N, C-alpha and C. Protein backbone atom coordinates (compact mmCIF):
# COMPACT_ATOMS: atom_id res chain seq x y z
N MET A 1 -4.86 23.25 23.60
CA MET A 1 -5.32 21.93 24.11
C MET A 1 -4.72 21.69 25.37
N ASN A 2 -5.54 21.32 26.40
CA ASN A 2 -4.72 20.78 27.62
C ASN A 2 -4.46 19.28 27.61
N GLN A 3 -3.89 18.74 28.72
CA GLN A 3 -3.38 17.36 28.52
C GLN A 3 -4.51 16.44 28.21
N SER A 4 -5.63 16.46 28.83
CA SER A 4 -6.75 15.41 28.49
C SER A 4 -7.19 15.62 27.15
N GLU A 5 -7.28 16.81 26.61
CA GLU A 5 -7.72 16.98 25.19
C GLU A 5 -6.78 16.60 24.12
N LEU A 6 -5.47 16.72 24.45
CA LEU A 6 -4.48 16.35 23.55
C LEU A 6 -4.20 14.91 23.45
N ALA A 7 -4.11 14.27 24.67
CA ALA A 7 -3.76 12.81 24.84
C ALA A 7 -4.26 11.88 23.77
N PRO A 8 -5.63 11.90 23.43
CA PRO A 8 -6.25 11.02 22.59
C PRO A 8 -5.72 11.34 21.18
N HIS A 9 -5.03 12.38 20.87
CA HIS A 9 -4.56 12.61 19.39
C HIS A 9 -3.06 12.05 19.42
N ILE A 10 -2.56 11.48 20.45
CA ILE A 10 -1.07 11.11 20.31
C ILE A 10 -1.05 9.51 20.30
N ASP A 11 -0.30 9.08 19.25
CA ASP A 11 0.10 7.57 19.25
C ASP A 11 1.65 7.54 19.81
N HIS A 12 1.48 7.20 21.11
CA HIS A 12 2.79 6.97 21.89
C HIS A 12 3.60 5.78 21.21
N THR A 13 4.79 6.01 20.88
CA THR A 13 5.48 5.09 19.90
C THR A 13 6.73 4.52 20.36
N VAL A 14 6.99 3.14 20.03
CA VAL A 14 8.20 2.48 20.30
C VAL A 14 8.37 1.65 19.10
N LEU A 15 9.32 2.01 18.05
CA LEU A 15 9.61 1.16 16.91
C LEU A 15 11.10 1.00 16.44
N GLY A 16 11.91 1.28 17.51
CA GLY A 16 13.28 1.14 17.05
C GLY A 16 13.80 -0.33 16.97
N PRO A 17 14.88 -0.60 16.31
CA PRO A 17 15.21 -1.90 16.01
C PRO A 17 15.56 -2.84 17.24
N GLU A 18 15.85 -2.17 18.49
CA GLU A 18 16.22 -2.81 19.75
C GLU A 18 15.07 -2.90 20.67
N THR A 19 13.81 -2.49 20.11
CA THR A 19 12.60 -2.72 20.88
C THR A 19 12.29 -3.99 21.48
N THR A 20 12.16 -4.11 22.86
CA THR A 20 11.97 -5.30 23.49
C THR A 20 10.35 -5.36 23.95
N LEU A 21 10.01 -6.48 24.33
CA LEU A 21 8.57 -6.50 24.90
C LEU A 21 8.36 -5.78 26.28
N ASP A 22 9.49 -5.64 26.99
CA ASP A 22 9.40 -4.75 28.24
C ASP A 22 9.21 -3.27 27.76
N ASP A 23 9.81 -2.86 26.65
CA ASP A 23 9.68 -1.51 26.14
C ASP A 23 8.28 -1.24 25.69
N VAL A 24 7.56 -2.34 25.08
CA VAL A 24 6.25 -2.17 24.67
C VAL A 24 5.31 -1.99 25.94
N HIS A 25 5.56 -2.88 26.99
CA HIS A 25 4.70 -2.73 28.05
C HIS A 25 4.90 -1.30 28.76
N ARG A 26 6.17 -0.86 28.81
CA ARG A 26 6.23 0.55 29.40
C ARG A 26 5.50 1.50 28.57
N VAL A 27 5.50 1.49 27.21
CA VAL A 27 4.85 2.43 26.38
C VAL A 27 3.29 2.30 26.70
N ILE A 28 2.76 1.06 26.91
CA ILE A 28 1.38 0.87 27.08
C ILE A 28 1.07 1.46 28.34
N ASP A 29 1.93 1.12 29.38
CA ASP A 29 1.55 1.68 30.78
C ASP A 29 1.45 3.21 30.71
N GLU A 30 2.47 3.93 30.02
CA GLU A 30 2.46 5.32 29.85
C GLU A 30 1.19 5.86 29.23
N ALA A 31 0.86 5.24 28.11
CA ALA A 31 -0.24 5.56 27.37
C ALA A 31 -1.51 5.52 28.09
N GLU A 32 -1.72 4.45 28.80
CA GLU A 32 -2.81 4.28 29.69
C GLU A 32 -2.96 5.34 30.85
N THR A 33 -1.87 5.56 31.45
CA THR A 33 -1.87 6.59 32.44
C THR A 33 -2.26 8.10 31.90
N TRP A 34 -1.81 8.28 30.73
CA TRP A 34 -2.14 9.68 30.18
C TRP A 34 -3.43 9.73 29.11
N GLY A 35 -3.91 8.41 28.53
CA GLY A 35 -4.81 8.34 27.83
C GLY A 35 -4.57 8.48 26.34
N MET A 36 -3.24 7.95 25.96
CA MET A 36 -2.89 8.10 24.69
C MET A 36 -3.02 6.76 23.93
N ASN A 37 -2.87 6.64 22.69
CA ASN A 37 -2.77 5.41 21.93
C ASN A 37 -1.35 4.88 21.85
N VAL A 38 -1.11 3.75 21.26
CA VAL A 38 0.27 3.25 21.11
C VAL A 38 0.44 2.79 19.66
N CYS A 39 1.72 2.92 19.32
CA CYS A 39 2.17 2.30 17.99
C CYS A 39 3.32 1.55 18.32
N ILE A 40 3.36 0.31 18.05
CA ILE A 40 4.41 -0.77 18.34
C ILE A 40 4.69 -1.65 17.20
N PRO A 41 5.80 -2.38 17.27
CA PRO A 41 6.22 -3.27 16.29
C PRO A 41 5.29 -4.50 16.04
N PRO A 42 5.04 -5.01 14.79
CA PRO A 42 4.08 -5.94 14.56
C PRO A 42 4.35 -7.35 15.44
N CYS A 43 5.61 -7.61 15.60
CA CYS A 43 5.91 -8.83 16.25
C CYS A 43 5.32 -8.92 17.65
N TYR A 44 4.92 -7.88 18.41
CA TYR A 44 4.52 -7.72 19.73
C TYR A 44 3.14 -7.39 19.88
N VAL A 45 2.21 -7.36 18.68
CA VAL A 45 0.93 -6.93 18.70
C VAL A 45 -0.10 -7.93 19.58
N SER A 46 0.19 -9.15 19.43
CA SER A 46 -0.54 -10.12 20.10
C SER A 46 -0.31 -10.12 21.64
N GLU A 47 0.91 -10.01 22.00
CA GLU A 47 1.07 -9.89 23.47
C GLU A 47 0.65 -8.56 23.91
N ALA A 48 0.81 -7.60 23.22
CA ALA A 48 0.43 -6.17 23.61
C ALA A 48 -1.05 -6.15 23.84
N ARG A 49 -1.87 -6.83 22.96
CA ARG A 49 -3.37 -7.01 23.10
C ARG A 49 -3.66 -7.66 24.36
N ASP A 50 -3.03 -8.60 24.79
CA ASP A 50 -3.21 -9.25 25.97
C ASP A 50 -2.96 -8.64 27.17
N TYR A 51 -2.03 -7.60 27.12
CA TYR A 51 -1.42 -7.00 28.22
C TYR A 51 -2.23 -5.69 28.44
N ALA A 52 -2.69 -5.00 27.33
CA ALA A 52 -3.31 -3.67 27.28
C ALA A 52 -4.78 -3.83 27.65
N ALA A 53 -5.33 -2.65 28.16
CA ALA A 53 -6.72 -2.59 28.53
C ALA A 53 -7.36 -2.63 27.20
N ALA A 54 -8.73 -3.17 27.08
CA ALA A 54 -9.37 -3.37 25.91
C ALA A 54 -9.69 -2.07 25.23
N GLU A 55 -9.89 -0.88 25.90
CA GLU A 55 -10.00 0.32 25.18
C GLU A 55 -8.84 0.99 24.67
N THR A 56 -7.71 0.42 25.00
CA THR A 56 -6.45 1.05 24.47
C THR A 56 -6.28 0.77 22.98
N THR A 57 -6.08 1.79 22.21
CA THR A 57 -5.96 1.71 20.68
C THR A 57 -4.40 1.26 20.46
N ILE A 58 -4.33 0.15 19.68
CA ILE A 58 -2.97 -0.41 19.35
C ILE A 58 -2.88 -0.28 17.86
N ALA A 59 -1.92 0.71 17.51
CA ALA A 59 -1.61 0.67 16.05
C ALA A 59 -0.20 -0.11 15.77
N THR A 60 0.02 -0.61 14.70
CA THR A 60 1.20 -1.27 14.35
C THR A 60 1.59 -0.87 12.86
N VAL A 61 2.84 -1.34 12.44
CA VAL A 61 3.25 -0.78 11.31
C VAL A 61 3.33 -1.97 10.18
N VAL A 62 3.32 -1.59 8.78
CA VAL A 62 3.32 -2.61 7.76
C VAL A 62 4.38 -2.12 6.75
N GLY A 63 5.30 -3.08 6.30
CA GLY A 63 6.24 -2.74 5.38
C GLY A 63 7.36 -1.73 5.98
N PHE A 64 7.51 -1.68 7.33
CA PHE A 64 8.23 -0.72 7.99
C PHE A 64 9.70 -1.18 8.03
N PRO A 65 10.71 -0.17 7.70
CA PRO A 65 10.51 1.18 7.67
C PRO A 65 10.53 1.72 6.14
N HIS A 66 10.99 0.93 5.27
CA HIS A 66 11.28 1.40 3.80
C HIS A 66 10.18 1.13 2.78
N GLY A 67 9.10 0.37 3.16
CA GLY A 67 8.05 0.09 2.25
C GLY A 67 8.37 -0.54 1.07
N GLN A 68 9.46 -1.36 0.96
CA GLN A 68 9.83 -2.14 -0.11
C GLN A 68 9.66 -3.57 -0.05
N THR A 69 8.87 -4.00 0.93
CA THR A 69 8.33 -5.38 1.10
C THR A 69 7.49 -5.85 -0.27
N ALA A 70 7.55 -7.03 -0.68
CA ALA A 70 6.60 -7.33 -1.72
C ALA A 70 5.25 -7.19 -1.42
N PRO A 71 4.35 -6.62 -2.40
CA PRO A 71 2.92 -6.21 -2.12
C PRO A 71 2.19 -7.41 -1.42
N ALA A 72 2.31 -8.80 -1.86
CA ALA A 72 1.67 -9.83 -1.22
C ALA A 72 2.15 -10.01 0.23
N VAL A 73 3.28 -9.77 0.40
CA VAL A 73 3.82 -9.84 1.84
C VAL A 73 3.31 -8.84 2.70
N LYS A 74 3.22 -7.57 2.09
CA LYS A 74 2.62 -6.45 2.82
C LYS A 74 1.07 -6.71 3.22
N ARG A 75 0.43 -7.32 2.28
CA ARG A 75 -0.96 -7.61 2.43
C ARG A 75 -1.01 -8.66 3.61
N ALA A 76 -0.24 -9.68 3.45
CA ALA A 76 -0.15 -10.74 4.59
C ALA A 76 0.14 -10.16 5.89
N GLU A 77 1.06 -9.25 5.99
CA GLU A 77 1.41 -8.60 7.15
C GLU A 77 0.30 -7.86 7.82
N ALA A 78 -0.56 -7.13 6.93
CA ALA A 78 -1.58 -6.27 7.39
C ALA A 78 -2.66 -7.26 7.90
N VAL A 79 -3.10 -8.44 7.18
CA VAL A 79 -3.99 -9.27 7.74
C VAL A 79 -3.59 -9.93 9.05
N GLN A 80 -2.33 -10.36 9.09
CA GLN A 80 -1.92 -10.84 10.44
C GLN A 80 -2.00 -9.97 11.72
N ALA A 81 -1.59 -8.70 11.34
CA ALA A 81 -1.71 -7.68 12.44
C ALA A 81 -3.14 -7.51 12.94
N VAL A 82 -4.18 -7.56 12.09
CA VAL A 82 -5.58 -7.54 12.32
C VAL A 82 -6.00 -8.81 13.28
N GLU A 83 -5.44 -9.95 12.73
CA GLU A 83 -5.68 -11.22 13.48
C GLU A 83 -5.10 -11.15 14.94
N ASP A 84 -3.96 -10.61 15.13
CA ASP A 84 -3.15 -10.40 16.30
C ASP A 84 -3.91 -9.37 17.17
N GLY A 85 -4.79 -8.58 16.75
CA GLY A 85 -5.46 -7.66 17.57
C GLY A 85 -5.17 -6.21 17.31
N ALA A 86 -4.33 -5.77 16.29
CA ALA A 86 -4.33 -4.37 15.99
C ALA A 86 -5.54 -3.69 15.70
N ASP A 87 -5.60 -2.44 16.13
CA ASP A 87 -6.73 -1.52 15.87
C ASP A 87 -6.57 -0.50 14.76
N GLU A 88 -5.21 -0.37 14.31
CA GLU A 88 -4.97 0.54 13.25
C GLU A 88 -3.60 0.10 12.57
N LEU A 89 -3.51 0.29 11.33
CA LEU A 89 -2.28 0.15 10.63
C LEU A 89 -1.58 1.27 10.02
N ASP A 90 -0.26 1.47 10.21
CA ASP A 90 0.57 2.38 9.51
C ASP A 90 1.23 1.74 8.41
N VAL A 91 0.99 2.08 7.24
CA VAL A 91 1.54 1.33 6.12
C VAL A 91 2.45 2.15 5.48
N VAL A 92 3.81 1.63 5.14
CA VAL A 92 4.81 2.51 4.52
C VAL A 92 4.58 2.39 2.95
N LEU A 93 4.24 3.47 2.23
CA LEU A 93 4.18 3.47 0.81
C LEU A 93 5.50 3.19 0.21
N ASN A 94 5.43 2.67 -0.98
CA ASN A 94 6.74 2.20 -1.61
C ASN A 94 7.36 3.43 -2.40
N VAL A 95 8.23 4.21 -1.85
CA VAL A 95 8.67 5.39 -2.22
C VAL A 95 9.50 5.20 -3.46
N GLY A 96 10.14 4.13 -3.63
CA GLY A 96 11.04 3.81 -4.74
C GLY A 96 10.10 3.89 -6.00
N ARG A 97 8.96 3.18 -5.96
CA ARG A 97 7.94 2.90 -7.07
C ARG A 97 7.46 4.47 -7.23
N LEU A 98 7.24 5.23 -6.21
CA LEU A 98 6.61 6.51 -6.48
C LEU A 98 7.65 7.22 -7.22
N LYS A 99 8.91 7.39 -6.79
CA LYS A 99 9.88 8.15 -7.48
C LYS A 99 10.16 7.79 -8.84
N ALA A 100 10.03 6.38 -9.10
CA ALA A 100 10.19 5.93 -10.48
C ALA A 100 8.92 6.24 -11.36
N ASP A 101 8.11 7.11 -10.87
CA ASP A 101 6.92 7.44 -11.71
C ASP A 101 6.07 6.24 -12.13
N GLU A 102 5.74 5.39 -10.98
CA GLU A 102 4.84 4.31 -11.14
C GLU A 102 3.63 4.51 -10.09
N PRO A 103 2.87 5.47 -10.28
CA PRO A 103 1.80 5.70 -9.41
C PRO A 103 0.80 4.62 -9.30
N GLU A 104 0.47 3.87 -10.53
CA GLU A 104 -0.48 2.90 -10.67
C GLU A 104 0.05 1.76 -9.67
N ALA A 105 1.20 1.45 -9.75
CA ALA A 105 1.70 0.33 -8.78
C ALA A 105 1.61 0.63 -7.31
N VAL A 106 1.85 1.86 -7.12
CA VAL A 106 1.65 2.39 -5.74
C VAL A 106 0.23 2.29 -5.24
N THR A 107 -0.61 2.73 -6.10
CA THR A 107 -2.11 2.75 -5.78
C THR A 107 -2.55 1.31 -5.72
N ALA A 108 -2.29 0.49 -6.63
CA ALA A 108 -2.65 -0.88 -6.51
C ALA A 108 -2.34 -1.56 -5.30
N GLU A 109 -1.05 -1.37 -4.93
CA GLU A 109 -0.60 -2.04 -3.56
C GLU A 109 -1.46 -1.65 -2.51
N LEU A 110 -1.74 -0.26 -2.33
CA LEU A 110 -2.45 0.35 -1.21
C LEU A 110 -3.87 -0.12 -1.32
N VAL A 111 -4.51 -0.19 -2.44
CA VAL A 111 -5.89 -0.75 -2.53
C VAL A 111 -5.94 -2.16 -2.01
N ASP A 112 -5.08 -3.00 -2.43
CA ASP A 112 -5.05 -4.41 -2.05
C ASP A 112 -4.81 -4.40 -0.58
N ILE A 113 -4.09 -3.64 0.21
CA ILE A 113 -4.05 -3.73 1.59
C ILE A 113 -5.19 -3.11 2.24
N VAL A 114 -5.80 -1.95 1.85
CA VAL A 114 -6.82 -1.37 2.52
C VAL A 114 -8.13 -2.34 2.31
N GLN A 115 -8.23 -3.13 1.24
CA GLN A 115 -9.32 -3.83 0.94
C GLN A 115 -9.24 -5.31 1.73
N SER A 116 -8.02 -5.45 2.15
CA SER A 116 -7.82 -6.90 2.93
C SER A 116 -8.09 -6.74 4.32
N VAL A 117 -8.31 -5.55 4.95
CA VAL A 117 -8.51 -5.28 6.31
C VAL A 117 -9.72 -4.60 6.66
N SER A 118 -10.31 -4.64 7.93
CA SER A 118 -11.39 -3.82 8.28
C SER A 118 -11.18 -2.77 9.28
N ILE A 119 -9.88 -2.39 9.42
CA ILE A 119 -9.57 -1.42 10.50
C ILE A 119 -8.86 -0.29 9.69
N PRO A 120 -8.81 1.05 10.32
CA PRO A 120 -8.19 2.05 9.74
C PRO A 120 -6.93 1.93 9.17
N VAL A 121 -6.49 2.41 8.04
CA VAL A 121 -5.03 2.38 7.52
C VAL A 121 -4.69 3.72 7.29
N LYS A 122 -3.47 3.97 7.86
CA LYS A 122 -2.63 5.21 7.68
C LYS A 122 -1.49 4.95 6.73
N VAL A 123 -1.32 5.85 5.67
CA VAL A 123 -0.34 5.62 4.70
C VAL A 123 0.76 6.61 4.99
N ILE A 124 1.95 6.04 5.28
CA ILE A 124 3.15 6.78 5.55
C ILE A 124 4.00 7.04 4.20
N VAL A 125 4.03 8.48 3.86
CA VAL A 125 4.55 8.79 2.67
C VAL A 125 5.92 9.35 2.57
N GLU A 126 6.50 9.30 3.92
CA GLU A 126 7.94 9.69 3.98
C GLU A 126 8.29 11.04 3.34
N THR A 127 7.63 12.03 3.65
CA THR A 127 7.70 13.42 3.11
C THR A 127 9.18 13.92 2.86
N ALA A 128 10.06 13.65 3.79
CA ALA A 128 11.43 14.24 3.64
C ALA A 128 12.05 13.69 2.39
N LEU A 129 11.55 12.61 1.83
CA LEU A 129 12.24 12.08 0.64
C LEU A 129 11.63 12.52 -0.66
N LEU A 130 10.54 13.25 -0.50
CA LEU A 130 9.62 13.56 -1.81
C LEU A 130 9.77 15.14 -2.15
N THR A 131 9.58 15.24 -3.41
CA THR A 131 9.31 16.64 -3.79
C THR A 131 7.82 17.05 -3.58
N ASP A 132 7.47 18.21 -3.68
CA ASP A 132 6.13 18.55 -3.34
C ASP A 132 5.25 17.91 -4.49
N ALA A 133 5.73 17.91 -5.66
CA ALA A 133 4.83 17.16 -6.70
C ALA A 133 4.61 15.63 -6.28
N GLU A 134 5.78 15.09 -5.81
CA GLU A 134 5.52 13.60 -5.49
C GLU A 134 4.66 13.53 -4.18
N LYS A 135 4.71 14.40 -3.46
CA LYS A 135 3.76 14.27 -2.19
C LYS A 135 2.33 14.37 -2.66
N HIS A 136 2.01 15.12 -3.59
CA HIS A 136 0.65 15.15 -4.20
C HIS A 136 0.27 13.78 -4.73
N VAL A 137 1.23 13.30 -5.44
CA VAL A 137 1.00 11.90 -6.08
C VAL A 137 0.73 10.86 -5.12
N ALA A 138 1.45 10.84 -4.10
CA ALA A 138 1.38 10.05 -2.89
C ALA A 138 -0.01 10.17 -2.15
N ALA A 139 -0.30 11.38 -1.92
CA ALA A 139 -1.61 11.57 -1.32
C ALA A 139 -2.78 11.14 -2.23
N GLU A 140 -2.68 11.41 -3.48
CA GLU A 140 -3.71 11.08 -4.46
C GLU A 140 -3.79 9.46 -4.44
N ALA A 141 -2.59 8.73 -4.43
CA ALA A 141 -2.66 7.41 -4.39
C ALA A 141 -3.39 6.92 -3.15
N ALA A 142 -3.13 7.43 -1.92
CA ALA A 142 -3.71 6.93 -0.74
C ALA A 142 -5.25 7.24 -0.77
N THR A 143 -5.66 8.43 -1.27
CA THR A 143 -7.04 8.85 -1.47
C THR A 143 -7.79 7.70 -2.22
N ALA A 144 -7.13 7.36 -3.40
CA ALA A 144 -7.78 6.60 -4.32
C ALA A 144 -8.02 5.26 -3.69
N ALA A 145 -7.07 4.84 -3.00
CA ALA A 145 -7.05 3.50 -2.22
C ALA A 145 -8.23 3.55 -1.05
N GLU A 146 -8.65 4.65 -0.80
CA GLU A 146 -9.59 4.86 0.32
C GLU A 146 -8.99 4.57 1.67
N ALA A 147 -7.74 4.98 1.77
CA ALA A 147 -7.12 4.89 3.24
C ALA A 147 -7.83 5.99 4.02
N ASP A 148 -7.41 5.86 5.40
CA ASP A 148 -8.19 6.81 6.29
C ASP A 148 -7.44 7.86 6.63
N PHE A 149 -5.93 7.76 6.59
CA PHE A 149 -5.04 8.82 7.14
C PHE A 149 -3.78 8.92 6.13
N LEU A 150 -3.23 10.04 6.11
CA LEU A 150 -1.86 10.24 5.53
C LEU A 150 -1.01 10.46 6.75
N LYS A 151 0.20 9.83 6.66
CA LYS A 151 1.32 9.99 7.93
C LYS A 151 2.63 10.50 7.19
N THR A 152 3.04 11.51 7.84
CA THR A 152 4.22 12.08 7.26
C THR A 152 5.57 11.46 7.15
N SER A 153 5.86 10.51 8.18
CA SER A 153 7.18 10.12 8.35
C SER A 153 7.25 8.68 9.03
N THR A 154 8.30 7.99 8.92
CA THR A 154 8.65 6.80 9.55
C THR A 154 9.35 7.05 10.84
N GLY A 155 10.10 8.26 10.68
CA GLY A 155 11.17 8.57 11.68
C GLY A 155 12.53 8.10 11.48
N PHE A 156 12.64 7.30 10.20
CA PHE A 156 13.90 6.69 9.88
C PHE A 156 14.68 7.24 8.83
N ALA A 157 14.08 8.30 8.13
CA ALA A 157 14.68 9.09 7.03
C ALA A 157 15.18 10.44 7.75
N ASP A 158 16.05 11.08 7.08
CA ASP A 158 16.49 12.30 7.72
C ASP A 158 15.26 13.31 7.55
N GLY A 159 14.94 13.98 8.52
CA GLY A 159 13.88 14.99 8.54
C GLY A 159 12.61 14.41 8.93
N GLY A 160 11.68 15.17 9.54
CA GLY A 160 10.42 14.62 9.98
C GLY A 160 9.28 15.41 9.48
N ALA A 161 8.33 15.60 10.37
CA ALA A 161 7.13 16.31 9.97
C ALA A 161 7.40 17.88 9.97
N THR A 162 6.77 18.51 8.93
CA THR A 162 6.86 19.92 9.02
C THR A 162 5.41 20.56 8.80
N VAL A 163 5.23 21.68 9.21
CA VAL A 163 3.97 22.44 9.22
C VAL A 163 3.54 22.43 7.58
N GLU A 164 4.39 22.76 6.72
CA GLU A 164 4.16 22.86 5.37
C GLU A 164 3.61 21.43 4.84
N ASP A 165 4.29 20.34 5.19
CA ASP A 165 3.92 19.07 4.74
C ASP A 165 2.46 18.65 5.26
N VAL A 166 2.20 18.95 6.43
CA VAL A 166 1.04 18.66 7.18
C VAL A 166 -0.26 19.40 6.44
N GLU A 167 0.08 20.79 6.00
CA GLU A 167 -0.84 21.55 5.37
C GLU A 167 -1.11 21.00 3.96
N LEU A 168 -0.24 20.39 3.33
CA LEU A 168 -0.37 19.88 1.93
C LEU A 168 -1.12 18.72 1.98
N LEU A 169 -0.81 17.69 2.94
CA LEU A 169 -1.37 16.43 3.08
C LEU A 169 -2.89 16.65 3.52
N ALA A 170 -3.05 17.53 4.28
CA ALA A 170 -4.47 17.80 4.95
C ALA A 170 -5.39 18.16 3.83
N GLU A 171 -4.96 18.59 2.71
CA GLU A 171 -5.86 18.79 1.60
C GLU A 171 -6.56 17.64 1.05
N TYR A 172 -6.00 16.44 1.37
CA TYR A 172 -6.54 15.14 0.87
C TYR A 172 -7.24 14.35 1.99
N LEU A 173 -6.57 14.06 3.03
CA LEU A 173 -7.01 13.10 4.11
C LEU A 173 -6.67 13.74 5.39
N PRO A 174 -7.32 13.12 6.58
CA PRO A 174 -6.80 13.37 7.96
C PRO A 174 -5.23 13.03 7.93
N VAL A 175 -4.48 13.88 8.72
CA VAL A 175 -3.10 13.55 8.75
C VAL A 175 -2.53 13.27 10.08
N LYS A 176 -1.58 12.24 10.18
CA LYS A 176 -0.80 11.94 11.31
C LYS A 176 0.47 12.45 11.11
N ALA A 177 0.89 13.58 11.90
CA ALA A 177 2.27 14.21 11.85
C ALA A 177 3.15 13.31 12.66
N SER A 178 4.30 12.91 12.03
CA SER A 178 5.23 12.04 12.81
C SER A 178 6.66 12.21 12.32
N GLY A 179 7.48 12.16 13.44
CA GLY A 179 8.94 12.46 13.03
C GLY A 179 9.42 13.76 13.57
N GLY A 180 10.31 13.63 14.72
CA GLY A 180 10.80 14.85 15.23
C GLY A 180 9.96 15.55 16.04
N ILE A 181 8.83 15.16 16.50
CA ILE A 181 7.91 15.87 17.34
C ILE A 181 8.19 15.60 18.86
N GLY A 182 8.82 16.40 19.65
CA GLY A 182 9.16 16.10 20.96
C GLY A 182 8.80 17.02 21.94
N SER A 183 7.98 18.02 21.57
CA SER A 183 7.51 19.05 22.62
C SER A 183 6.04 19.32 22.38
N TYR A 184 5.42 19.87 23.39
CA TYR A 184 3.99 20.46 23.31
C TYR A 184 3.95 21.43 22.24
N GLU A 185 4.88 22.34 22.17
CA GLU A 185 4.67 23.46 21.12
C GLU A 185 4.87 22.92 19.78
N LYS A 186 5.66 21.95 19.41
CA LYS A 186 5.67 21.47 18.09
C LYS A 186 4.44 20.65 17.83
N ALA A 187 3.98 19.83 18.77
CA ALA A 187 2.86 19.08 18.65
C ALA A 187 1.57 19.99 18.14
N MET A 188 1.56 21.02 18.99
CA MET A 188 0.42 22.07 18.77
C MET A 188 0.48 22.70 17.31
N ALA A 189 1.81 22.92 16.94
CA ALA A 189 2.02 23.55 15.45
C ALA A 189 1.61 22.69 14.50
N MET A 190 1.69 21.38 14.73
CA MET A 190 1.22 20.44 13.79
C MET A 190 -0.38 20.26 13.73
N ILE A 191 -0.97 20.41 14.85
CA ILE A 191 -2.35 20.28 15.01
C ILE A 191 -3.09 21.48 14.33
N GLU A 192 -2.31 22.75 14.64
CA GLU A 192 -2.91 24.01 14.13
C GLU A 192 -2.74 23.94 12.57
N ALA A 193 -1.71 23.14 12.00
CA ALA A 193 -1.63 23.01 10.55
C ALA A 193 -2.53 22.12 9.97
N GLY A 194 -3.27 21.35 10.77
CA GLY A 194 -4.23 20.35 10.33
C GLY A 194 -4.07 18.96 10.72
N ALA A 195 -3.02 18.56 11.53
CA ALA A 195 -2.89 17.29 11.85
C ALA A 195 -4.02 16.91 12.77
N GLU A 196 -4.51 15.55 12.69
CA GLU A 196 -5.51 15.06 13.58
C GLU A 196 -4.87 14.10 14.69
N ARG A 197 -3.66 13.65 14.19
CA ARG A 197 -2.92 12.61 15.16
C ARG A 197 -1.51 13.07 15.20
N ILE A 198 -0.75 12.78 16.25
CA ILE A 198 0.63 13.04 16.36
C ILE A 198 1.27 11.84 16.75
N GLY A 199 2.33 11.29 16.00
CA GLY A 199 3.07 10.14 16.26
C GLY A 199 4.33 10.47 16.96
N ALA A 200 4.74 10.06 18.11
CA ALA A 200 5.88 10.41 18.86
C ALA A 200 6.32 9.44 19.91
N SER A 201 7.64 9.22 19.91
CA SER A 201 8.13 8.48 21.14
C SER A 201 8.25 9.26 22.33
N SER A 202 8.01 10.58 22.11
CA SER A 202 7.95 11.54 23.35
C SER A 202 6.70 11.92 23.82
N GLY A 203 5.61 11.09 23.79
CA GLY A 203 4.31 11.21 24.14
C GLY A 203 4.16 11.93 25.45
N THR A 204 4.84 11.28 26.47
CA THR A 204 4.82 11.72 27.93
C THR A 204 5.43 13.15 27.96
N ALA A 205 6.58 13.42 27.27
CA ALA A 205 6.99 14.74 27.30
C ALA A 205 6.31 15.81 26.82
N ILE A 206 5.47 15.47 25.68
CA ILE A 206 4.58 16.33 25.10
C ILE A 206 3.54 16.76 25.98
N LEU A 207 2.89 15.72 26.55
CA LEU A 207 1.70 15.98 27.51
C LEU A 207 2.21 16.84 28.80
N ASP A 208 3.48 16.42 29.32
CA ASP A 208 4.03 17.06 30.43
C ASP A 208 4.11 18.56 30.17
N GLY A 209 4.28 18.95 29.00
CA GLY A 209 4.51 20.31 28.62
C GLY A 209 3.09 21.04 28.38
N ALA A 210 1.99 20.24 28.32
CA ALA A 210 0.76 20.72 27.97
C ALA A 210 0.15 21.33 29.39
N PRO A 211 -0.70 22.37 29.13
CA PRO A 211 -1.50 22.76 30.40
C PRO A 211 -2.36 21.72 30.95
N ASP A 212 -2.44 21.72 32.26
CA ASP A 212 -3.42 20.68 33.01
C ASP A 212 -4.78 20.80 32.51
């Protein structure tokens, strides 16, 4: 893929704990220059929507970064993000419930969130913390909830996206590969493995390495 072909597949991201509104504006400016989407903290969505061009896709996160927010709070956070102008949601699955062999609770929470909004929902499964068997359970829960994407990582756990995890998740739903993707070569490896979206704070560096 060249730069213009790859750019719409990238969610240019700023989600660190020290993120300011100026950081969000910078990411939006860079995304609009290159033709990327953005993924930003929920507290800035309303201001970002006012600042960004109407055609710029704004994603935000729910239950971030550990997924352990109470289900009703997660649902309220999702609804608030939509009201503030978010175009997509990246929802962190409750890894603790999953690892405790409570797939019904995981699925019920995701169903509640997906049904409460009218925009695409990506489910972050935090693959670095899961066994392959648990990854399948997570993917099955997201599929049962009628989510739109599976996302590999928050970027806050050790380890990020791998080709193997993208291939596994792509058996179920479209995949957003995220975590540790800082170059054009690595982004393309994820896309070749089946990813349809790339989440990265290095969106400009990825595209700078792409052919014109």
